[in-house]
Structure formats: C-alpha cells, structure tokens
Amino acid sequence: SIRTGYGEGRMLCTSEIHKRFQGSAGCL
C-alpha cells in the first residue's frame, strides 16, 4: 500500500514461521 514505504516498512516476526510444538504462541 502507499503507506508501507514509510520508515521501516513492513515487519514479520519469525515466530510465525518456525515449526513450533503444539500449543506454543507468542513472538520471541
């Protein structure tokens, strides 16, 4: 979107893409 170019742009946290054990949550 237009606004995403500002500052640091978008961010992703790798806790979303690690293979986690069942029931884990949160952003490390």
PDB file of all heavy atoms in Angstrom:
ATOM      1  N   SER A   1       0.856  -1.182   0.000  1.00  0.00           N
ATOM      2  CA  SER A   1       0.000   0.000   0.000  1.00  0.00           C
ATOM      3  C   SER A   1       0.896   1.236   0.000  1.00  0.00           C
ATOM      4  O   SER A   1       2.095   1.133   0.225  1.00  0.00           O
ATOM      5  CB  SER A   1      -0.912   0.015   1.237  1.00  0.00           C
ATOM      6  OG  SER A   1      -0.157   0.247   2.401  1.00  0.00           O
ATOM      7  N   ILE A   2       0.309   2.377  -0.253  1.00  0.00           N
ATOM      8  CA  ILE A   2       1.092   3.612  -0.325  1.00  0.00           C
ATOM      9  C   ILE A   2       1.895   3.828   0.939  1.00  0.00           C
ATOM     10  O   ILE A   2       3.056   4.205   0.903  1.00  0.00           O
ATOM     11  CB  ILE A   2       0.161   4.814  -0.554  1.00  0.00           C
ATOM     12  CG1 ILE A   2      -0.427   4.763  -1.970  1.00  0.00           C
ATOM     13  CG2 ILE A   2       0.916   6.134  -0.388  1.00  0.00           C
ATOM     14  CD1 ILE A   2      -1.468   5.818  -2.237  1.00  0.00           C
ATOM     15  N   ARG A   3       1.288   3.590   2.074  1.00  0.00           N
ATOM     16  CA  ARG A   3       1.910   3.959   3.336  1.00  0.00           C
ATOM     17  C   ARG A   3       3.064   3.040   3.729  1.00  0.00           C
ATOM     18  O   ARG A   3       3.873   3.399   4.577  1.00  0.00           O
ATOM     19  CB  ARG A   3       0.860   3.967   4.453  1.00  0.00           C
ATOM     20  CG  ARG A   3      -0.211   5.019   4.249  1.00  0.00           C
ATOM     21  CD  ARG A   3      -1.280   4.936   5.313  1.00  0.00           C
ATOM     22  NE  ARG A   3      -0.766   5.296   6.629  1.00  0.00           N
ATOM     23  CZ  ARG A   3      -0.713   6.532   7.094  1.00  0.00           C
ATOM     24  NH1 ARG A   3      -1.118   7.541   6.345  1.00  0.00           N
ATOM     25  NH2 ARG A   3      -0.265   6.788   8.300  1.00  0.00           N
ATOM     26  N   THR A   4       3.155   1.849   3.147  1.00  0.00           N
ATOM     27  CA  THR A   4       4.157   0.891   3.601  1.00  0.00           C
ATOM     28  C   THR A   4       5.583   1.310   3.296  1.00  0.00           C
ATOM     29  O   THR A   4       6.514   0.740   3.826  1.00  0.00           O
ATOM     30  CB  THR A   4       3.932  -0.495   2.965  1.00  0.00           C
ATOM     31  OG1 THR A   4       3.868  -0.352   1.547  1.00  0.00           O
ATOM     32  CG2 THR A   4       2.660  -1.119   3.474  1.00  0.00           C
ATOM     33  N   GLY A   5       5.749   2.294   2.420  1.00  0.00           N
ATOM     34  CA  GLY A   5       7.098   2.737   2.101  1.00  0.00           C
ATOM     35  C   GLY A   5       7.728   3.584   3.197  1.00  0.00           C
ATOM     36  O   GLY A   5       8.924   3.816   3.190  1.00  0.00           O
ATOM     37  N   TYR A   6       6.912   4.074   4.141  1.00  0.00           N
ATOM     38  CA  TYR A   6       7.433   4.955   5.171  1.00  0.00           C
ATOM     39  C   TYR A   6       8.329   4.212   6.150  1.00  0.00           C
ATOM     40  O   TYR A   6       8.092   3.061   6.474  1.00  0.00           O
ATOM     41  CB  TYR A   6       6.303   5.581   5.996  1.00  0.00           C
ATOM     42  CG  TYR A   6       5.329   6.401   5.217  1.00  0.00           C
ATOM     43  CD1 TYR A   6       4.135   6.795   5.779  1.00  0.00           C
ATOM     44  CD2 TYR A   6       5.590   6.784   3.911  1.00  0.00           C
ATOM     45  CE1 TYR A   6       3.232   7.563   5.079  1.00  0.00           C
ATOM     46  CE2 TYR A   6       4.694   7.552   3.215  1.00  0.00           C
ATOM     47  CZ  TYR A   6       3.509   7.934   3.798  1.00  0.00           C
ATOM     48  OH  TYR A   6       2.623   8.699   3.111  1.00  0.00           O
ATOM     49  N   GLY A   7       9.326   4.885   6.668  1.00  0.00           N
ATOM     50  CA  GLY A   7      10.119   4.351   7.783  1.00  0.00           C
ATOM     51  C   GLY A   7      10.682   2.976   7.499  1.00  0.00           C
ATOM     52  O   GLY A   7      11.379   2.765   6.523  1.00  0.00           O
ATOM     53  N   GLU A   8      10.308   2.019   8.328  1.00  0.00           N
ATOM     54  CA  GLU A   8      10.881   0.689   8.224  1.00  0.00           C
ATOM     55  C   GLU A   8      10.042  -0.262   7.385  1.00  0.00           C
ATOM     56  O   GLU A   8      10.355  -1.430   7.269  1.00  0.00           O
ATOM     57  CB  GLU A   8      11.062   0.106   9.635  1.00  0.00           C
ATOM     58  CG  GLU A   8      12.057   0.887  10.485  1.00  0.00           C
ATOM     59  CD  GLU A   8      12.308   0.209  11.816  1.00  0.00           C
ATOM     60  OE1 GLU A   8      11.670  -0.819  12.079  1.00  0.00           O
ATOM     61  OE2 GLU A   8      13.139   0.716  12.573  1.00  0.00           O
ATOM     62  N   GLY A   9       8.951   0.227   6.815  1.00  0.00           N
ATOM     63  CA  GLY A   9       8.127  -0.643   6.009  1.00  0.00           C
ATOM     64  C   GLY A   9       7.448  -1.712   6.852  1.00  0.00           C
ATOM     65  O   GLY A   9       7.163  -1.519   8.016  1.00  0.00           O
ATOM     66  N   ARG A  10       7.189  -2.861   6.249  1.00  0.00           N
ATOM     67  CA  ARG A  10       6.517  -3.945   6.944  1.00  0.00           C
ATOM     68  C   ARG A  10       7.493  -4.770   7.769  1.00  0.00           C
ATOM     69  O   ARG A  10       8.672  -4.814   7.509  1.00  0.00           O
ATOM     70  CB  ARG A  10       5.838  -4.863   5.924  1.00  0.00           C
ATOM     71  CG  ARG A  10       4.605  -4.266   5.309  1.00  0.00           C
ATOM     72  CD  ARG A  10       3.432  -4.274   6.284  1.00  0.00           C
ATOM     73  NE  ARG A  10       3.127  -5.625   6.709  1.00  0.00           N
ATOM     74  CZ  ARG A  10       2.378  -6.470   6.003  1.00  0.00           C
ATOM     75  NH1 ARG A  10       1.879  -6.100   4.854  1.00  0.00           N
ATOM     76  NH2 ARG A  10       2.123  -7.689   6.446  1.00  0.00           N
ATOM     77  N   MET A  11       6.964  -5.481   8.777  1.00  0.00           N
ATOM     78  CA  MET A  11       7.791  -6.368   9.593  1.00  0.00           C
ATOM     79  C   MET A  11       7.121  -7.725   9.719  1.00  0.00           C
ATOM     80  O   MET A  11       5.909  -7.830   9.781  1.00  0.00           O
ATOM     81  CB  MET A  11       7.989  -5.789  10.999  1.00  0.00           C
ATOM     82  CG  MET A  11       8.920  -4.602  11.059  1.00  0.00           C
ATOM     83  SD  MET A  11       9.351  -4.229  12.768  1.00  0.00           S
ATOM     84  CE  MET A  11      10.364  -2.769  12.519  1.00  0.00           C
ATOM     85  N   LEU A  12       7.923  -8.745   9.766  1.00  0.00           N
ATOM     86  CA  LEU A  12       7.448 -10.094  10.062  1.00  0.00           C
ATOM     87  C   LEU A  12       8.252 -10.626  11.229  1.00  0.00           C
ATOM     88  O   LEU A  12       9.444 -10.371  11.334  1.00  0.00           O
ATOM     89  CB  LEU A  12       7.638 -11.033   8.860  1.00  0.00           C
ATOM     90  CG  LEU A  12       6.772 -10.780   7.629  1.00  0.00           C
ATOM     91  CD1 LEU A  12       7.159 -11.760   6.531  1.00  0.00           C
ATOM     92  CD2 LEU A  12       5.297 -10.939   7.961  1.00  0.00           C
ATOM     93  N   CYS A  13       7.601 -11.350  12.101  1.00  0.00           N
ATOM     94  CA  CYS A  13       8.299 -11.968  13.231  1.00  0.00           C
ATOM     95  C   CYS A  13       8.499 -13.439  12.917  1.00  0.00           C
ATOM     96  O   CYS A  13       7.564 -14.133  12.512  1.00  0.00           O
ATOM     97  CB  CYS A  13       7.476 -11.817  14.501  1.00  0.00           C
ATOM     98  SG  CYS A  13       8.231 -12.620  15.920  1.00  0.00           S
ATOM     99  N   THR A  14       9.712 -13.930  13.069  1.00  0.00           N
ATOM    100  CA  THR A  14       9.987 -15.309  12.666  1.00  0.00           C
ATOM    101  C   THR A  14       9.298 -16.338  13.554  1.00  0.00           C
ATOM    102  O   THR A  14       9.273 -17.508  13.221  1.00  0.00           O
ATOM    103  CB  THR A  14      11.499 -15.602  12.657  1.00  0.00           C
ATOM    104  OG1 THR A  14      12.053 -15.254  13.925  1.00  0.00           O
ATOM    105  CG2 THR A  14      12.188 -14.849  11.551  1.00  0.00           C
ATOM    106  N   SER A  15       8.743 -15.910  14.682  1.00  0.00           N
ATOM    107  CA  SER A  15       8.000 -16.885  15.482  1.00  0.00           C
ATOM    108  C   SER A  15       6.793 -17.393  14.696  1.00  0.00           C
ATOM    109  O   SER A  15       6.261 -18.452  14.970  1.00  0.00           O
ATOM    110  CB  SER A  15       7.527 -16.271  16.806  1.00  0.00           C
ATOM    111  OG  SER A  15       6.559 -15.276  16.574  1.00  0.00           O
ATOM    112  N   GLU A  16       6.377 -16.619  13.695  1.00  0.00           N
ATOM    113  CA  GLU A  16       5.260 -17.036  12.863  1.00  0.00           C
ATOM    114  C   GLU A  16       5.660 -18.157  11.901  1.00  0.00           C
ATOM    115  O   GLU A  16       4.804 -18.868  11.406  1.00  0.00           O
ATOM    116  CB  GLU A  16       4.739 -15.847  12.054  1.00  0.00           C
ATOM    117  CG  GLU A  16       4.226 -14.680  12.885  1.00  0.00           C
ATOM    118  CD  GLU A  16       3.797 -13.538  11.997  1.00  0.00           C
ATOM    119  OE1 GLU A  16       3.003 -13.787  11.061  1.00  0.00           O
ATOM    120  OE2 GLU A  16       4.245 -12.413  12.201  1.00  0.00           O
ATOM    121  N   ILE A  17       6.926 -18.287  11.628  1.00  0.00           N
ATOM    122  CA  ILE A  17       7.319 -19.241  10.590  1.00  0.00           C
ATOM    123  C   ILE A  17       8.210 -20.377  11.113  1.00  0.00           C
ATOM    124  O   ILE A  17       8.636 -21.225  10.352  1.00  0.00           O
ATOM    125  CB  ILE A  17       8.042 -18.508   9.426  1.00  0.00           C
ATOM    126  CG1 ILE A  17       9.181 -17.595   9.914  1.00  0.00           C
ATOM    127  CG2 ILE A  17       7.056 -17.672   8.648  1.00  0.00           C
ATOM    128  CD1 ILE A  17      10.491 -18.236  10.026  1.00  0.00           C
ATOM    129  N   HIS A  18       8.472 -20.393  12.434  1.00  0.00           N
ATOM    130  CA  HIS A  18       9.197 -21.517  12.996  1.00  0.00           C
ATOM    131  C   HIS A  18       8.243 -22.694  13.195  1.00  0.00           C
ATOM    132  O   HIS A  18       7.073 -22.516  13.489  1.00  0.00           O
ATOM    133  CB  HIS A  18       9.831 -21.149  14.340  1.00  0.00           C
ATOM    134  CG  HIS A  18      11.083 -20.346  14.204  1.00  0.00           C
ATOM    135  ND1 HIS A  18      12.179 -20.809  13.519  1.00  0.00           N
ATOM    136  CD2 HIS A  18      11.415 -19.111  14.652  1.00  0.00           C
ATOM    137  CE1 HIS A  18      13.135 -19.886  13.558  1.00  0.00           C
ATOM    138  NE2 HIS A  18      12.690 -18.836  14.225  1.00  0.00           N
ATOM    139  N   LYS A  19       8.759 -23.903  13.054  1.00  0.00           N
ATOM    140  CA  LYS A  19       7.967 -25.097  13.317  1.00  0.00           C
ATOM    141  C   LYS A  19       7.862 -25.247  14.835  1.00  0.00           C
ATOM    142  O   LYS A  19       8.815 -25.623  15.495  1.00  0.00           O
ATOM    143  CB  LYS A  19       8.630 -26.328  12.699  1.00  0.00           C
ATOM    144  CG  LYS A  19       8.684 -26.273  11.180  1.00  0.00           C
ATOM    145  CD  LYS A  19       9.405 -27.479  10.614  1.00  0.00           C
ATOM    146  CE  LYS A  19       9.450 -27.436   9.099  1.00  0.00           C
ATOM    147  NZ  LYS A  19      10.216 -28.556   8.513  1.00  0.00           N
ATOM    148  N   ARG A  20       6.694 -24.936  15.363  1.00  0.00           N
ATOM    149  CA  ARG A  20       6.517 -24.902  16.807  1.00  0.00           C
ATOM    150  C   ARG A  20       5.874 -26.166  17.328  1.00  0.00           C
ATOM    151  O   ARG A  20       5.171 -26.877  16.612  1.00  0.00           O
ATOM    152  CB  ARG A  20       5.642 -23.705  17.206  1.00  0.00           C
ATOM    153  CG  ARG A  20       6.311 -22.348  16.993  1.00  0.00           C
ATOM    154  CD  ARG A  20       7.687 -22.329  17.567  1.00  0.00           C
ATOM    155  NE  ARG A  20       8.149 -20.982  17.853  1.00  0.00           N
ATOM    156  CZ  ARG A  20       9.366 -20.704  18.229  1.00  0.00           C
ATOM    157  NH1 ARG A  20      10.254 -21.659  18.349  1.00  0.00           N
ATOM    158  NH2 ARG A  20       9.728 -19.466  18.487  1.00  0.00           N
ATOM    159  N   PHE A  21       6.100 -26.420  18.628  1.00  0.00           N
ATOM    160  CA  PHE A  21       5.402 -27.530  19.254  1.00  0.00           C
ATOM    161  C   PHE A  21       3.957 -27.123  19.465  1.00  0.00           C
ATOM    162  O   PHE A  21       3.622 -25.949  19.517  1.00  0.00           O
ATOM    163  CB  PHE A  21       6.054 -27.914  20.597  1.00  0.00           C
ATOM    164  CG  PHE A  21       6.150 -26.780  21.584  1.00  0.00           C
ATOM    165  CD1 PHE A  21       5.118 -26.489  22.460  1.00  0.00           C
ATOM    166  CD2 PHE A  21       7.301 -25.989  21.637  1.00  0.00           C
ATOM    167  CE1 PHE A  21       5.205 -25.451  23.360  1.00  0.00           C
ATOM    168  CE2 PHE A  21       7.394 -24.950  22.541  1.00  0.00           C
ATOM    169  CZ  PHE A  21       6.345 -24.681  23.397  1.00  0.00           C
ATOM    170  N   GLN A  22       3.088 -28.086  19.605  1.00  0.00           N
ATOM    171  CA  GLN A  22       1.654 -27.806  19.695  1.00  0.00           C
ATOM    172  C   GLN A  22       1.355 -26.931  20.905  1.00  0.00           C
ATOM    173  O   GLN A  22       1.820 -27.169  22.009  1.00  0.00           O
ATOM    174  CB  GLN A  22       0.881 -29.129  19.812  1.00  0.00           C
ATOM    175  CG  GLN A  22      -0.619 -28.945  19.790  1.00  0.00           C
ATOM    176  CD  GLN A  22      -1.336 -30.276  19.810  1.00  0.00           C
ATOM    177  OE1 GLN A  22      -0.687 -31.317  19.887  1.00  0.00           O
ATOM    178  NE2 GLN A  22      -2.646 -30.253  19.748  1.00  0.00           N
ATOM    179  N   GLY A  23       0.541 -25.896  20.676  1.00  0.00           N
ATOM    180  CA  GLY A  23       0.121 -25.032  21.775  1.00  0.00           C
ATOM    181  C   GLY A  23       1.015 -23.841  22.013  1.00  0.00           C
ATOM    182  O   GLY A  23       0.727 -23.005  22.845  1.00  0.00           O
ATOM    183  N   SER A  24       2.148 -23.733  21.288  1.00  0.00           N
ATOM    184  CA  SER A  24       3.037 -22.594  21.503  1.00  0.00           C
ATOM    185  C   SER A  24       2.436 -21.344  20.892  1.00  0.00           C
ATOM    186  O   SER A  24       1.630 -21.406  19.973  1.00  0.00           O
ATOM    187  CB  SER A  24       4.409 -22.863  20.876  1.00  0.00           C
ATOM    188  OG  SER A  24       4.301 -22.917  19.479  1.00  0.00           O
ATOM    189  N   ALA A  25       2.831 -20.209  21.416  1.00  0.00           N
ATOM    190  CA  ALA A  25       2.319 -18.936  20.909  1.00  0.00           C
ATOM    191  C   ALA A  25       3.271 -17.833  21.286  1.00  0.00           C
ATOM    192  O   ALA A  25       4.192 -18.039  22.047  1.00  0.00           O
ATOM    193  CB  ALA A  25       0.923 -18.663  21.484  1.00  0.00           C
ATOM    194  N   GLY A  26       3.006 -16.671  20.722  1.00  0.00           N
ATOM    195  CA  GLY A  26       3.806 -15.511  21.087  1.00  0.00           C
ATOM    196  C   GLY A  26       4.892 -15.213  20.090  1.00  0.00           C
ATOM    197  O   GLY A  26       5.201 -16.005  19.211  1.00  0.00           O
ATOM    198  N   CYS A  27       5.461 -14.047  20.212  1.00  0.00           N
ATOM    199  CA  CYS A  27       6.517 -13.582  19.326  1.00  0.00           C
ATOM    200  C   CYS A  27       7.807 -13.462  20.124  1.00  0.00           C
ATOM    201  O   CYS A  27       7.882 -12.689  21.057  1.00  0.00           O
ATOM    202  CB  CYS A  27       6.120 -12.240  18.732  1.00  0.00           C
ATOM    203  SG  CYS A  27       7.310 -11.561  17.594  1.00  0.00           S
ATOM    204  N   LEU A  28       8.788 -14.267  19.778  1.00  0.00           N
ATOM    205  CA  LEU A  28      10.032 -14.277  20.560  1.00  0.00           C
ATOM    206  C   LEU A  28      11.002 -13.225  20.077  1.00  0.00           C
ATOM    207  O   LEU A  28      11.052 -12.941  18.900  1.00  0.00           O
ATOM    208  CB  LEU A  28      10.684 -15.662  20.451  1.00  0.00           C
ATOM    209  CG  LEU A  28       9.800 -16.822  20.911  1.00  0.00           C
ATOM    210  CD1 LEU A  28      10.573 -18.125  20.741  1.00  0.00           C
ATOM    211  CD2 LEU A  28       9.373 -16.650  22.359  1.00  0.00           C
TER     212      LEU A  28
END
